[in-house]
Amino acid sequence: MTANPKSMSYDVLKQLFLDSGADDVGFVELERPALAPQRDTIEALFPAARTLAAFVLRLNRDNLLAPTRILASYETNRVMVELSQVQANVFKALRSSGIRSMLLPAAYPMEMNPPKGKRMDISHKEVALQAGMGIMGNSRLLLHPRWGSTIILGTMLLDCSIEHYDQPLEEEVCIHCNLCIAACPVGAIGKERKFNFQSCLIHNYRETNVGFLDWIDAMVSSPDMEAYRKKFSNPETLSMWQSLTYGTGYKCLNCQPVCPAGSEARSDYEDDPADYIKRIVKPMTERAETIYVLAGSSAEKKVEQNARKKASLVNIPSKKD
């Protein structure tokens, strides 16, 4: 590290992240014009901020491809813990050199009663885009040039500067195969990067936020266990317990493992697209499972088109609640 505690070598800082467990990392200066919409928030959180570090951890794609969703959830939660450890390692190394930093959660915890509806303080995707960690795909996932969508993003704020910064990628990583569209059980993903966030939220995050409130409502409003079980079956109740105890059980992560973007997966798809679809995509589209939707939504209509999927209607508390 340099003699000036508020300045570091780019190469040294990058190696520090890699040695701390990150698989890739890039850096963005606070003054970057693209960060203007977030700058006030960043400065309010950490007035000393001068550099933003966007780092990446790989997910085990085989876990995401497993026929049971629990293995995909386990992998995601495992890497979330690993991400926190990477931040802790970097923080300790920087602190010993007099450099301050702020560690940001990759997902939860987040604000539950945020101003202007903003649950996350900083957009990890936007910072990662500016740091050259990937480009946005149709799925609204950041696609890394090597590992595609099977990554977790992390961000740290640093009070030091470096001699140069990374820039957004110019190469197109998404190959526009539309497999993420085909694999999405609620039809949330559309062409031209159109995305129905609500449909994804209702199903995939069934055991967080909205789903948890629906669960509480079911318990409070049910006069007895028989009435409650008509709303939440025993397996659904136990699944909610498991999410609360061991980490969120995600109901769908299909768009990540089916995506052949990135140098490590692209050839597998391009060598034989039909075989790739048979091995990777069809097991997900043909999996018998419950899909959580709003009544009358486009997601419910999407589920009705697949005989192997069963729609379960979710109640969303009114805004006044």
C-alpha atoms as a PDB file:
ATOM      1  CA  MET A   1       0.000   0.000   0.000  1.00  0.00           C
ATOM      2  CA  THR A   2       1.120   3.545  -0.668  1.00  0.00           C
ATOM      3  CA  ALA A   3       2.503   5.911   1.912  1.00  0.00           C
ATOM      4  CA  ASN A   4      -0.513   8.187   1.543  1.00  0.00           C
ATOM      5  CA  PRO A   5      -3.282   6.463   3.529  1.00  0.00           C
ATOM      6  CA  LYS A   6      -5.962   8.098   1.341  1.00  0.00           C
ATOM      7  CA  SER A   7      -4.537   6.889  -1.953  1.00  0.00           C
ATOM      8  CA  MET A   8      -3.871   3.379  -3.192  1.00  0.00           C
ATOM      9  CA  SER A   9      -2.475   1.654  -6.232  1.00  0.00           C
ATOM     10  CA  TYR A  10      -5.182   0.229  -8.490  1.00  0.00           C
ATOM     11  CA  ASP A  11      -3.324  -3.053  -8.790  1.00  0.00           C
ATOM     12  CA  VAL A  12      -2.764  -3.367  -5.050  1.00  0.00           C
ATOM     13  CA  LEU A  13      -6.408  -2.626  -4.251  1.00  0.00           C
ATOM     14  CA  LYS A  14      -7.638  -5.107  -6.836  1.00  0.00           C
ATOM     15  CA  GLN A  15      -5.318  -7.815  -5.540  1.00  0.00           C
ATOM     16  CA  LEU A  16      -6.537  -7.139  -2.013  1.00  0.00           C
ATOM     17  CA  PHE A  17     -10.116  -7.939  -3.066  1.00  0.00           C
ATOM     18  CA  LEU A  18      -9.031 -11.061  -4.927  1.00  0.00           C
ATOM     19  CA  ASP A  19      -6.933 -12.250  -1.985  1.00  0.00           C
ATOM     20  CA  SER A  20      -9.922 -11.612   0.270  1.00  0.00           C
ATOM     21  CA  GLY A  21     -12.064 -14.026  -1.724  1.00  0.00           C
ATOM     22  CA  ALA A  22     -13.646 -11.979  -4.528  1.00  0.00           C
ATOM     23  CA  ASP A  23     -13.670 -13.598  -7.971  1.00  0.00           C
ATOM     24  CA  ASP A  24     -13.551 -10.258  -9.793  1.00  0.00           C
ATOM     25  CA  VAL A  25     -13.635  -6.574  -8.906  1.00  0.00           C
ATOM     26  CA  GLY A  26     -13.777  -3.170 -10.560  1.00  0.00           C
ATOM     27  CA  PHE A  27     -13.667   0.420  -9.316  1.00  0.00           C
ATOM     28  CA  VAL A  28     -15.681   3.569 -10.040  1.00  0.00           C
ATOM     29  CA  GLU A  29     -14.980   7.140  -8.966  1.00  0.00           C
ATOM     30  CA  LEU A  30     -17.773   8.860  -7.040  1.00  0.00           C
ATOM     31  CA  GLU A  31     -17.831  11.695  -9.602  1.00  0.00           C
ATOM     32  CA  ARG A  32     -18.780   9.369 -12.477  1.00  0.00           C
ATOM     33  CA  PRO A  33     -21.725  11.079 -14.256  1.00  0.00           C
ATOM     34  CA  ALA A  34     -23.662   7.810 -14.452  1.00  0.00           C
ATOM     35  CA  LEU A  35     -23.731   7.681 -10.636  1.00  0.00           C
ATOM     36  CA  ALA A  36     -25.318  11.121 -10.338  1.00  0.00           C
ATOM     37  CA  PRO A  37     -28.778   9.737  -9.403  1.00  0.00           C
ATOM     38  CA  GLN A  38     -27.196   7.884  -6.466  1.00  0.00           C
ATOM     39  CA  ARG A  39     -24.581  10.410  -5.406  1.00  0.00           C
ATOM     40  CA  ASP A  40     -26.686  12.215  -2.799  1.00  0.00           C
ATOM     41  CA  THR A  41     -27.553   8.899  -1.152  1.00  0.00           C
ATOM     42  CA  ILE A  42     -23.931   7.744  -1.208  1.00  0.00           C
ATOM     43  CA  GLU A  43     -22.668  10.983   0.314  1.00  0.00           C
ATOM     44  CA  ALA A  44     -25.388  10.899   2.973  1.00  0.00           C
ATOM     45  CA  LEU A  45     -24.417   7.335   3.913  1.00  0.00           C
ATOM     46  CA  PHE A  46     -20.669   7.878   3.839  1.00  0.00           C
ATOM     47  CA  PRO A  47     -19.558  11.503   3.334  1.00  0.00           C
ATOM     48  CA  ALA A  48     -15.914  10.440   2.991  1.00  0.00           C
ATOM     49  CA  ALA A  49     -16.635   8.202  -0.017  1.00  0.00           C
ATOM     50  CA  ARG A  50     -14.369   8.708  -3.026  1.00  0.00           C
ATOM     51  CA  THR A  51     -14.301   5.292  -4.679  1.00  0.00           C
ATOM     52  CA  LEU A  52     -16.886   2.542  -5.135  1.00  0.00           C
ATOM     53  CA  ALA A  53     -15.695  -1.048  -5.406  1.00  0.00           C
ATOM     54  CA  ALA A  54     -17.961  -3.489  -7.261  1.00  0.00           C
ATOM     55  CA  PHE A  55     -16.967  -7.099  -6.688  1.00  0.00           C
ATOM     56  CA  VAL A  56     -18.303 -10.431  -7.887  1.00  0.00           C
ATOM     57  CA  LEU A  57     -18.605 -13.893  -6.352  1.00  0.00           C
ATOM     58  CA  ARG A  58     -19.418 -16.930  -8.449  1.00  0.00           C
ATOM     59  CA  LEU A  59     -22.339 -19.246  -7.783  1.00  0.00           C
ATOM     60  CA  ASN A  60     -22.098 -22.994  -8.297  1.00  0.00           C
ATOM     61  CA  ARG A  61     -24.166 -23.426 -11.462  1.00  0.00           C
ATOM     62  CA  ASP A  62     -24.709 -27.125 -10.777  1.00  0.00           C
ATOM     63  CA  ASN A  63     -26.545 -26.250  -7.574  1.00  0.00           C
ATOM     64  CA  LEU A  64     -28.772 -23.840  -9.477  1.00  0.00           C
ATOM     65  CA  LEU A  65     -29.550 -26.548 -12.036  1.00  0.00           C
ATOM     66  CA  ALA A  66     -30.571 -29.108  -9.400  1.00  0.00           C
ATOM     67  CA  PRO A  67     -34.134 -30.449  -9.746  1.00  0.00           C
ATOM     68  CA  THR A  68     -35.015 -29.310  -6.210  1.00  0.00           C
ATOM     69  CA  ARG A  69     -35.191 -25.587  -5.503  1.00  0.00           C
ATOM     70  CA  ILE A  70     -33.706 -25.974  -2.045  1.00  0.00           C
ATOM     71  CA  LEU A  71     -30.218 -26.629  -3.430  1.00  0.00           C
ATOM     72  CA  ALA A  72     -30.360 -23.451  -5.484  1.00  0.00           C
ATOM     73  CA  SER A  73     -31.535 -21.494  -2.441  1.00  0.00           C
ATOM     74  CA  TYR A  74     -28.807 -23.039  -0.308  1.00  0.00           C
ATOM     75  CA  GLU A  75     -26.156 -22.004  -2.815  1.00  0.00           C
ATOM     76  CA  THR A  76     -27.441 -18.435  -3.005  1.00  0.00           C
ATOM     77  CA  ASN A  77     -27.570 -18.085   0.772  1.00  0.00           C
ATOM     78  CA  ARG A  78     -24.135 -19.687   1.122  1.00  0.00           C
ATOM     79  CA  VAL A  79     -22.521 -17.221  -1.258  1.00  0.00           C
ATOM     80  CA  MET A  80     -24.298 -14.311   0.451  1.00  0.00           C
ATOM     81  CA  VAL A  81     -22.499 -15.303   3.660  1.00  0.00           C
ATOM     82  CA  GLU A  82     -19.240 -15.625   1.743  1.00  0.00           C
ATOM     83  CA  LEU A  83     -19.764 -12.147   0.302  1.00  0.00           C
ATOM     84  CA  SER A  84     -20.035 -10.679   3.789  1.00  0.00           C
ATOM     85  CA  GLN A  85     -16.779 -12.396   4.721  1.00  0.00           C
ATOM     86  CA  VAL A  86     -15.027 -10.921   1.689  1.00  0.00           C
ATOM     87  CA  GLN A  87     -16.125  -7.458   2.786  1.00  0.00           C
ATOM     88  CA  ALA A  88     -14.935  -8.125   6.322  1.00  0.00           C
ATOM     89  CA  ASN A  89     -11.526  -9.248   5.054  1.00  0.00           C
ATOM     90  CA  VAL A  90     -11.135  -6.148   2.884  1.00  0.00           C
ATOM     91  CA  PHE A  91     -12.346  -3.886   5.686  1.00  0.00           C
ATOM     92  CA  LYS A  92      -9.779  -5.246   8.135  1.00  0.00           C
ATOM     93  CA  ALA A  93      -6.917  -4.899   5.657  1.00  0.00           C
ATOM     94  CA  LEU A  94      -7.878  -1.338   4.738  1.00  0.00           C
ATOM     95  CA  ARG A  95      -8.453  -0.314   8.341  1.00  0.00           C
ATOM     96  CA  SER A  96      -4.914  -1.337   9.255  1.00  0.00           C
ATOM     97  CA  SER A  97      -3.689   1.200   6.672  1.00  0.00           C
ATOM     98  CA  GLY A  98      -5.940   4.004   7.851  1.00  0.00           C
ATOM     99  CA  ILE A  99      -8.438   3.734   4.999  1.00  0.00           C
ATOM    100  CA  ARG A 100     -12.090   3.874   5.917  1.00  0.00           C
ATOM    101  CA  SER A 101     -14.803   1.899   4.174  1.00  0.00           C
ATOM    102  CA  MET A 102     -18.498   1.150   4.315  1.00  0.00           C
ATOM    103  CA  LEU A 103     -19.849  -2.383   3.818  1.00  0.00           C
ATOM    104  CA  LEU A 104     -23.187  -2.741   2.041  1.00  0.00           C
ATOM    105  CA  PRO A 105     -25.509  -5.778   2.105  1.00  0.00           C
ATOM    106  CA  ALA A 106     -25.943  -7.604  -1.194  1.00  0.00           C
ATOM    107  CA  ALA A 107     -29.679  -8.049  -0.573  1.00  0.00           C
ATOM    108  CA  TYR A 108     -31.311  -8.379   2.833  1.00  0.00           C
ATOM    109  CA  PRO A 109     -31.371  -6.672   5.272  1.00  0.00           C
ATOM    110  CA  MET A 110     -32.955  -3.641   3.631  1.00  0.00           C
ATOM    111  CA  GLU A 111     -35.232  -0.780   4.632  1.00  0.00           C
ATOM    112  CA  MET A 112     -38.829  -1.885   5.146  1.00  0.00           C
ATOM    113  CA  ASN A 113     -40.301   1.626   5.421  1.00  0.00           C
ATOM    114  CA  PRO A 114     -38.016   3.546   3.067  1.00  0.00           C
ATOM    115  CA  PRO A 115     -38.357   7.135   1.850  1.00  0.00           C
ATOM    116  CA  LYS A 116     -39.671   7.275  -1.725  1.00  0.00           C
ATOM    117  CA  GLY A 117     -40.006   3.494  -1.758  1.00  0.00           C
ATOM    118  CA  LYS A 118     -36.268   2.895  -2.035  1.00  0.00           C
ATOM    119  CA  ARG A 119     -35.459  -0.303  -0.136  1.00  0.00           C
ATOM    120  CA  MET A 120     -31.811  -0.566  -1.187  1.00  0.00           C
ATOM    121  CA  ASP A 121     -29.508   2.384  -0.543  1.00  0.00           C
ATOM    122  CA  ILE A 122     -27.359   1.788  -3.625  1.00  0.00           C
ATOM    123  CA  SER A 123     -27.941  -0.034  -6.911  1.00  0.00           C
ATOM    124  CA  HIS A 124     -25.332  -2.795  -7.008  1.00  0.00           C
ATOM    125  CA  LYS A 125     -26.109  -3.426 -10.672  1.00  0.00           C
ATOM    126  CA  GLU A 126     -25.497   0.155 -11.753  1.00  0.00           C
ATOM    127  CA  VAL A 127     -22.202   0.321  -9.877  1.00  0.00           C
ATOM    128  CA  ALA A 128     -21.147  -3.043 -11.339  1.00  0.00           C
ATOM    129  CA  LEU A 129     -22.084  -1.882 -14.839  1.00  0.00           C
ATOM    130  CA  GLN A 130     -19.914   1.183 -14.461  1.00  0.00           C
ATOM    131  CA  ALA A 131     -17.076  -0.913 -13.039  1.00  0.00           C
ATOM    132  CA  GLY A 132     -17.016  -3.168 -16.086  1.00  0.00           C
ATOM    133  CA  MET A 133     -18.285  -6.251 -14.282  1.00  0.00           C
ATOM    134  CA  GLY A 134     -20.817  -7.058 -16.988  1.00  0.00           C
ATOM    135  CA  ILE A 135     -23.805  -5.861 -18.988  1.00  0.00           C
ATOM    136  CA  MET A 136     -27.528  -6.114 -18.354  1.00  0.00           C
ATOM    137  CA  GLY A 137     -29.317  -9.069 -19.950  1.00  0.00           C
ATOM    138  CA  ASN A 138     -32.958  -9.529 -20.929  1.00  0.00           C
ATOM    139  CA  SER A 139     -33.495 -11.069 -17.503  1.00  0.00           C
ATOM    140  CA  ARG A 140     -32.396  -7.829 -15.820  1.00  0.00           C
ATOM    141  CA  LEU A 141     -29.512  -9.793 -14.358  1.00  0.00           C
ATOM    142  CA  LEU A 142     -25.986  -8.512 -14.737  1.00  0.00           C
ATOM    143  CA  LEU A 143     -24.089 -10.820 -17.096  1.00  0.00           C
ATOM    144  CA  HIS A 144     -20.392 -11.231 -16.374  1.00  0.00           C
ATOM    145  CA  PRO A 145     -18.233 -11.799 -19.488  1.00  0.00           C
ATOM    146  CA  ARG A 146     -16.917 -15.077 -18.048  1.00  0.00           C
ATOM    147  CA  TRP A 147     -19.561 -16.401 -15.640  1.00  0.00           C
ATOM    148  CA  GLY A 148     -22.697 -14.902 -17.112  1.00  0.00           C
ATOM    149  CA  SER A 149     -25.604 -14.572 -14.696  1.00  0.00           C
ATOM    150  CA  THR A 150     -24.387 -17.062 -12.083  1.00  0.00           C
ATOM    151  CA  ILE A 151     -22.878 -14.401  -9.830  1.00  0.00           C
ATOM    152  CA  ILE A 152     -23.637 -12.368  -6.712  1.00  0.00           C
ATOM    153  CA  LEU A 153     -22.773  -8.664  -6.619  1.00  0.00           C
ATOM    154  CA  GLY A 154     -21.260  -6.738  -3.737  1.00  0.00           C
ATOM    155  CA  THR A 155     -20.388  -3.059  -3.251  1.00  0.00           C
ATOM    156  CA  MET A 156     -18.102  -1.235  -0.834  1.00  0.00           C
ATOM    157  CA  LEU A 157     -17.533   2.501  -0.392  1.00  0.00           C
ATOM    158  CA  LEU A 158     -13.930   3.595   0.158  1.00  0.00           C
ATOM    159  CA  ASP A 159     -12.484   6.924   1.263  1.00  0.00           C
ATOM    160  CA  CYS A 160      -9.327   6.515  -0.831  1.00  0.00           C
ATOM    161  CA  SER A 161      -8.637   7.317  -4.467  1.00  0.00           C
ATOM    162  CA  ILE A 162      -6.725   5.286  -7.060  1.00  0.00           C
ATOM    163  CA  GLU A 163      -4.772   6.354 -10.127  1.00  0.00           C
ATOM    164  CA  HIS A 164      -7.335   5.110 -12.645  1.00  0.00           C
ATOM    165  CA  TYR A 165     -10.782   3.571 -12.725  1.00  0.00           C
ATOM    166  CA  ASP A 166     -12.636   0.920 -14.688  1.00  0.00           C
ATOM    167  CA  GLN A 167     -15.092   1.672 -17.474  1.00  0.00           C
ATOM    168  CA  PRO A 168     -18.288  -0.031 -18.684  1.00  0.00           C
ATOM    169  CA  LEU A 169     -17.834  -2.985 -21.018  1.00  0.00           C
ATOM    170  CA  GLU A 170     -18.246  -2.321 -24.716  1.00  0.00           C
ATOM    171  CA  GLU A 171     -18.733  -5.973 -25.652  1.00  0.00           C
ATOM    172  CA  GLU A 172     -22.211  -7.534 -25.718  1.00  0.00           C
ATOM    173  CA  VAL A 173     -22.390 -10.458 -23.314  1.00  0.00           C
ATOM    174  CA  CYS A 174     -26.071 -11.353 -23.760  1.00  0.00           C
ATOM    175  CA  ILE A 175     -26.467 -13.592 -26.837  1.00  0.00           C
ATOM    176  CA  HIS A 176     -30.246 -12.935 -27.067  1.00  0.00           C
ATOM    177  CA  CYS A 177     -31.142 -16.613 -27.014  1.00  0.00           C
ATOM    178  CA  ASN A 178     -34.350 -15.816 -25.062  1.00  0.00           C
ATOM    179  CA  LEU A 179     -33.939 -18.909 -22.883  1.00  0.00           C
ATOM    180  CA  CYS A 180     -34.530 -16.822 -19.766  1.00  0.00           C
ATOM    181  CA  ILE A 181     -37.884 -15.822 -21.273  1.00  0.00           C
ATOM    182  CA  ALA A 182     -38.749 -19.447 -21.966  1.00  0.00           C
ATOM    183  CA  ALA A 183     -37.746 -20.616 -18.479  1.00  0.00           C
ATOM    184  CA  CYS A 184     -39.577 -17.928 -16.489  1.00  0.00           C
ATOM    185  CA  PRO A 185     -42.743 -19.566 -15.057  1.00  0.00           C
ATOM    186  CA  VAL A 186     -44.531 -16.237 -14.502  1.00  0.00           C
ATOM    187  CA  GLY A 187     -43.657 -14.540 -17.794  1.00  0.00           C
ATOM    188  CA  ALA A 188     -41.840 -11.733 -16.005  1.00  0.00           C
ATOM    189  CA  ILE A 189     -39.073 -11.495 -18.604  1.00  0.00           C
ATOM    190  CA  GLY A 190     -39.768  -9.908 -21.963  1.00  0.00           C
ATOM    191  CA  LYS A 191     -37.712  -8.977 -24.975  1.00  0.00           C
ATOM    192  CA  GLU A 192     -35.788  -5.702 -25.148  1.00  0.00           C
ATOM    193  CA  ARG A 193     -35.049  -5.956 -21.411  1.00  0.00           C
ATOM    194  CA  LYS A 194     -38.673  -5.512 -20.393  1.00  0.00           C
ATOM    195  CA  PHE A 195     -39.283  -6.921 -16.941  1.00  0.00           C
ATOM    196  CA  ASN A 196     -42.380  -7.372 -14.763  1.00  0.00           C
ATOM    197  CA  PHE A 197     -40.861  -6.970 -11.319  1.00  0.00           C
ATOM    198  CA  GLN A 198     -44.121  -7.621  -9.466  1.00  0.00           C
ATOM    199  CA  SER A 199     -44.661 -11.037 -11.052  1.00  0.00           C
ATOM    200  CA  CYS A 200     -41.116 -12.087 -10.166  1.00  0.00           C
ATOM    201  CA  LEU A 201     -41.424 -10.713  -6.633  1.00  0.00           C
ATOM    202  CA  ILE A 202     -44.726 -12.444  -5.893  1.00  0.00           C
ATOM    203  CA  HIS A 203     -43.441 -15.894  -6.846  1.00  0.00           C
ATOM    204  CA  ASN A 204     -39.679 -16.048  -6.331  1.00  0.00           C
ATOM    205  CA  TYR A 205     -39.745 -14.088  -3.072  1.00  0.00           C
ATOM    206  CA  ARG A 206     -42.813 -15.842  -1.734  1.00  0.00           C
ATOM    207  CA  GLU A 207     -41.172 -16.285   1.663  1.00  0.00           C
ATOM    208  CA  THR A 208     -39.993 -12.700   2.046  1.00  0.00           C
ATOM    209  CA  ASN A 209     -41.737  -9.315   2.153  1.00  0.00           C
ATOM    210  CA  VAL A 210     -45.163  -9.693   0.517  1.00  0.00           C
ATOM    211  CA  GLY A 211     -45.398 -13.435   1.085  1.00  0.00           C
ATOM    212  CA  PHE A 212     -44.631 -13.067   4.775  1.00  0.00           C
ATOM    213  CA  LEU A 213     -47.399 -10.483   5.176  1.00  0.00           C
ATOM    214  CA  ASP A 214     -49.784 -12.807   3.338  1.00  0.00           C
ATOM    215  CA  TRP A 215     -48.818 -15.595   5.744  1.00  0.00           C
ATOM    216  CA  ILE A 216     -49.457 -13.415   8.803  1.00  0.00           C
ATOM    217  CA  ASP A 217     -52.786 -12.323   7.347  1.00  0.00           C
ATOM    218  CA  ALA A 218     -53.753 -15.956   6.803  1.00  0.00           C
ATOM    219  CA  MET A 219     -52.971 -16.848  10.411  1.00  0.00           C
ATOM    220  CA  VAL A 220     -54.743 -13.867  11.962  1.00  0.00           C
ATOM    221  CA  SER A 221     -57.845 -14.043   9.785  1.00  0.00           C
ATOM    222  CA  SER A 222     -58.375 -17.820  10.052  1.00  0.00           C
ATOM    223  CA  PRO A 223     -60.850 -18.864  12.766  1.00  0.00           C
ATOM    224  CA  ASP A 224     -59.264 -22.307  13.108  1.00  0.00           C
ATOM    225  CA  MET A 225     -56.516 -24.543  11.712  1.00  0.00           C
ATOM    226  CA  GLU A 226     -58.811 -26.047   9.111  1.00  0.00           C
ATOM    227  CA  ALA A 227     -59.488 -22.619   7.644  1.00  0.00           C
ATOM    228  CA  TYR A 228     -55.796 -21.716   7.854  1.00  0.00           C
ATOM    229  CA  ARG A 229     -54.716 -24.871   6.019  1.00  0.00           C
ATOM    230  CA  LYS A 230     -56.990 -23.959   3.130  1.00  0.00           C
ATOM    231  CA  LYS A 231     -54.759 -20.897   2.692  1.00  0.00           C
ATOM    232  CA  PHE A 232     -51.402 -22.401   3.669  1.00  0.00           C
ATOM    233  CA  SER A 233     -50.784 -26.126   3.464  1.00  0.00           C
ATOM    234  CA  ASN A 234     -48.527 -27.823   6.005  1.00  0.00           C
ATOM    235  CA  PRO A 235     -45.596 -28.004   3.528  1.00  0.00           C
ATOM    236  CA  GLU A 236     -45.988 -24.277   2.782  1.00  0.00           C
ATOM    237  CA  THR A 237     -46.006 -23.423   6.481  1.00  0.00           C
ATOM    238  CA  LEU A 238     -42.938 -25.572   7.081  1.00  0.00           C
ATOM    239  CA  SER A 239     -41.205 -23.982   4.096  1.00  0.00           C
ATOM    240  CA  MET A 240     -41.838 -20.543   5.587  1.00  0.00           C
ATOM    241  CA  TRP A 241     -40.421 -21.774   8.912  1.00  0.00           C
ATOM    242  CA  GLN A 242     -37.355 -23.073   7.122  1.00  0.00           C
ATOM    243  CA  SER A 243     -36.807 -19.725   5.381  1.00  0.00           C
ATOM    244  CA  LEU A 244     -37.073 -17.915   8.693  1.00  0.00           C
ATOM    245  CA  THR A 245     -34.682 -20.350  10.345  1.00  0.00           C
ATOM    246  CA  TYR A 246     -32.041 -21.236   7.772  1.00  0.00           C
ATOM    247  CA  GLY A 247     -32.237 -18.596   5.048  1.00  0.00           C
ATOM    248  CA  THR A 248     -34.636 -17.572   2.314  1.00  0.00           C
ATOM    249  CA  GLY A 249     -36.047 -20.363   0.197  1.00  0.00           C
ATOM    250  CA  TYR A 250     -36.284 -18.901  -3.299  1.00  0.00           C
ATOM    251  CA  LYS A 251     -39.095 -20.349  -5.409  1.00  0.00           C
ATOM    252  CA  CYS A 252     -37.431 -19.739  -8.762  1.00  0.00           C
ATOM    253  CA  LEU A 253     -33.915 -18.947  -9.932  1.00  0.00           C
ATOM    254  CA  ASN A 254     -34.432 -20.362 -13.433  1.00  0.00           C
ATOM    255  CA  CYS A 255     -33.124 -17.360 -15.338  1.00  0.00           C
ATOM    256  CA  GLN A 256     -29.647 -17.740 -13.848  1.00  0.00           C
ATOM    257  CA  PRO A 257     -28.638 -21.317 -14.723  1.00  0.00           C
ATOM    258  CA  VAL A 258     -30.388 -21.481 -18.129  1.00  0.00           C
ATOM    259  CA  CYS A 259     -28.488 -18.419 -19.355  1.00  0.00           C
ATOM    260  CA  PRO A 260     -25.580 -19.419 -21.633  1.00  0.00           C
ATOM    261  CA  ALA A 261     -23.971 -15.973 -21.563  1.00  0.00           C
ATOM    262  CA  GLY A 262     -20.340 -15.789 -20.514  1.00  0.00           C
ATOM    263  CA  SER A 263     -17.366 -17.638 -21.924  1.00  0.00           C
ATOM    264  CA  GLU A 264     -17.725 -20.645 -19.581  1.00  0.00           C
ATOM    265  CA  ALA A 265     -21.251 -21.588 -20.694  1.00  0.00           C
ATOM    266  CA  ARG A 266     -21.604 -20.125 -24.183  1.00  0.00           C
ATOM    267  CA  SER A 267     -19.887 -22.923 -26.084  1.00  0.00           C
ATOM    268  CA  ASP A 268     -22.061 -25.540 -24.359  1.00  0.00           C
ATOM    269  CA  TYR A 269     -25.111 -23.861 -25.894  1.00  0.00           C
ATOM    270  CA  GLU A 270     -23.706 -22.930 -29.286  1.00  0.00           C
ATOM    271  CA  ASP A 271     -22.249 -26.407 -29.932  1.00  0.00           C
ATOM    272  CA  ASP A 272     -25.735 -27.955 -29.794  1.00  0.00           C
ATOM    273  CA  PRO A 273     -28.634 -25.608 -28.928  1.00  0.00           C
ATOM    274  CA  ALA A 274     -31.260 -28.368 -29.131  1.00  0.00           C
ATOM    275  CA  ASP A 275     -29.376 -30.583 -26.710  1.00  0.00           C
ATOM    276  CA  TYR A 276     -28.786 -27.632 -24.366  1.00  0.00           C
ATOM    277  CA  ILE A 277     -32.511 -26.871 -24.282  1.00  0.00           C
ATOM    278  CA  LYS A 278     -33.303 -30.536 -23.633  1.00  0.00           C
ATOM    279  CA  ARG A 279     -30.775 -30.861 -20.784  1.00  0.00           C
ATOM    280  CA  ILE A 280     -30.994 -27.428 -19.177  1.00  0.00           C
ATOM    281  CA  VAL A 281     -34.248 -25.672 -20.015  1.00  0.00           C
ATOM    282  CA  LYS A 282     -36.904 -28.389 -20.307  1.00  0.00           C
ATOM    283  CA  PRO A 283     -36.343 -29.846 -16.808  1.00  0.00           C
ATOM    284  CA  MET A 284     -37.319 -26.433 -15.452  1.00  0.00           C
ATOM    285  CA  THR A 285     -40.278 -25.735 -17.724  1.00  0.00           C
ATOM    286  CA  GLU A 286     -41.586 -29.275 -17.163  1.00  0.00           C
ATOM    287  CA  ARG A 287     -41.060 -29.336 -13.397  1.00  0.00           C
ATOM    288  CA  ALA A 288     -44.338 -29.867 -11.509  1.00  0.00           C
ATOM    289  CA  GLU A 289     -44.604 -27.040  -8.983  1.00  0.00           C
ATOM    290  CA  THR A 290     -46.793 -24.377  -7.423  1.00  0.00           C
ATOM    291  CA  ILE A 291     -46.452 -20.886  -8.876  1.00  0.00           C
ATOM    292  CA  TYR A 292     -47.561 -17.926  -6.762  1.00  0.00           C
ATOM    293  CA  VAL A 293     -49.460 -15.212  -8.645  1.00  0.00           C
ATOM    294  CA  LEU A 294     -51.965 -12.407  -8.286  1.00  0.00           C
ATOM    295  CA  ALA A 295     -55.516 -13.126  -9.412  1.00  0.00           C
ATOM    296  CA  GLY A 296     -56.154 -11.896 -12.940  1.00  0.00           C
ATOM    297  CA  SER A 297     -52.495 -11.099 -13.565  1.00  0.00           C
ATOM    298  CA  SER A 298     -50.458 -11.882 -16.656  1.00  0.00           C
ATOM    299  CA  ALA A 299     -48.533 -14.305 -14.444  1.00  0.00           C
ATOM    300  CA  GLU A 300     -51.689 -16.308 -13.729  1.00  0.00           C
ATOM    301  CA  LYS A 301     -52.412 -16.514 -17.460  1.00  0.00           C
ATOM    302  CA  LYS A 302     -48.847 -17.689 -18.065  1.00  0.00           C
ATOM    303  CA  VAL A 303     -49.209 -20.485 -15.503  1.00  0.00           C
ATOM    304  CA  GLU A 304     -52.474 -21.624 -17.086  1.00  0.00           C
ATOM    305  CA  GLN A 305     -50.527 -22.385 -20.278  1.00  0.00           C
ATOM    306  CA  ASN A 306     -48.389 -25.021 -18.553  1.00  0.00           C
ATOM    307  CA  ALA A 307     -50.208 -28.120 -17.290  1.00  0.00           C
ATOM    308  CA  ARG A 308     -47.300 -28.978 -14.974  1.00  0.00           C
ATOM    309  CA  LYS A 309     -47.626 -25.725 -13.060  1.00  0.00           C
ATOM    310  CA  LYS A 310     -50.311 -24.988 -10.488  1.00  0.00           C
ATOM    311  CA  ALA A 311     -51.277 -21.392  -9.734  1.00  0.00           C
ATOM    312  CA  SER A 312     -51.738 -20.323  -6.104  1.00  0.00           C
ATOM    313  CA  LEU A 313     -53.264 -16.899  -5.555  1.00  0.00           C
ATOM    314  CA  VAL A 314     -51.494 -14.470  -3.248  1.00  0.00           C
ATOM    315  CA  ASN A 315     -53.108 -11.633  -1.341  1.00  0.00           C
ATOM    316  CA  ILE A 316     -51.219  -8.324  -1.293  1.00  0.00           C
ATOM    317  CA  PRO A 317     -51.957  -6.008   1.653  1.00  0.00           C
ATOM    318  CA  SER A 318     -53.350  -2.647   0.586  1.00  0.00           C
ATOM    319  CA  LYS A 319     -51.013   0.362   0.460  1.00  0.00           C
ATOM    320  CA  LYS A 320     -52.709   1.917   3.473  1.00  0.00           C
ATOM    321  CA  ASP A 321     -51.462  -1.073   5.507  1.00  0.00           C
END
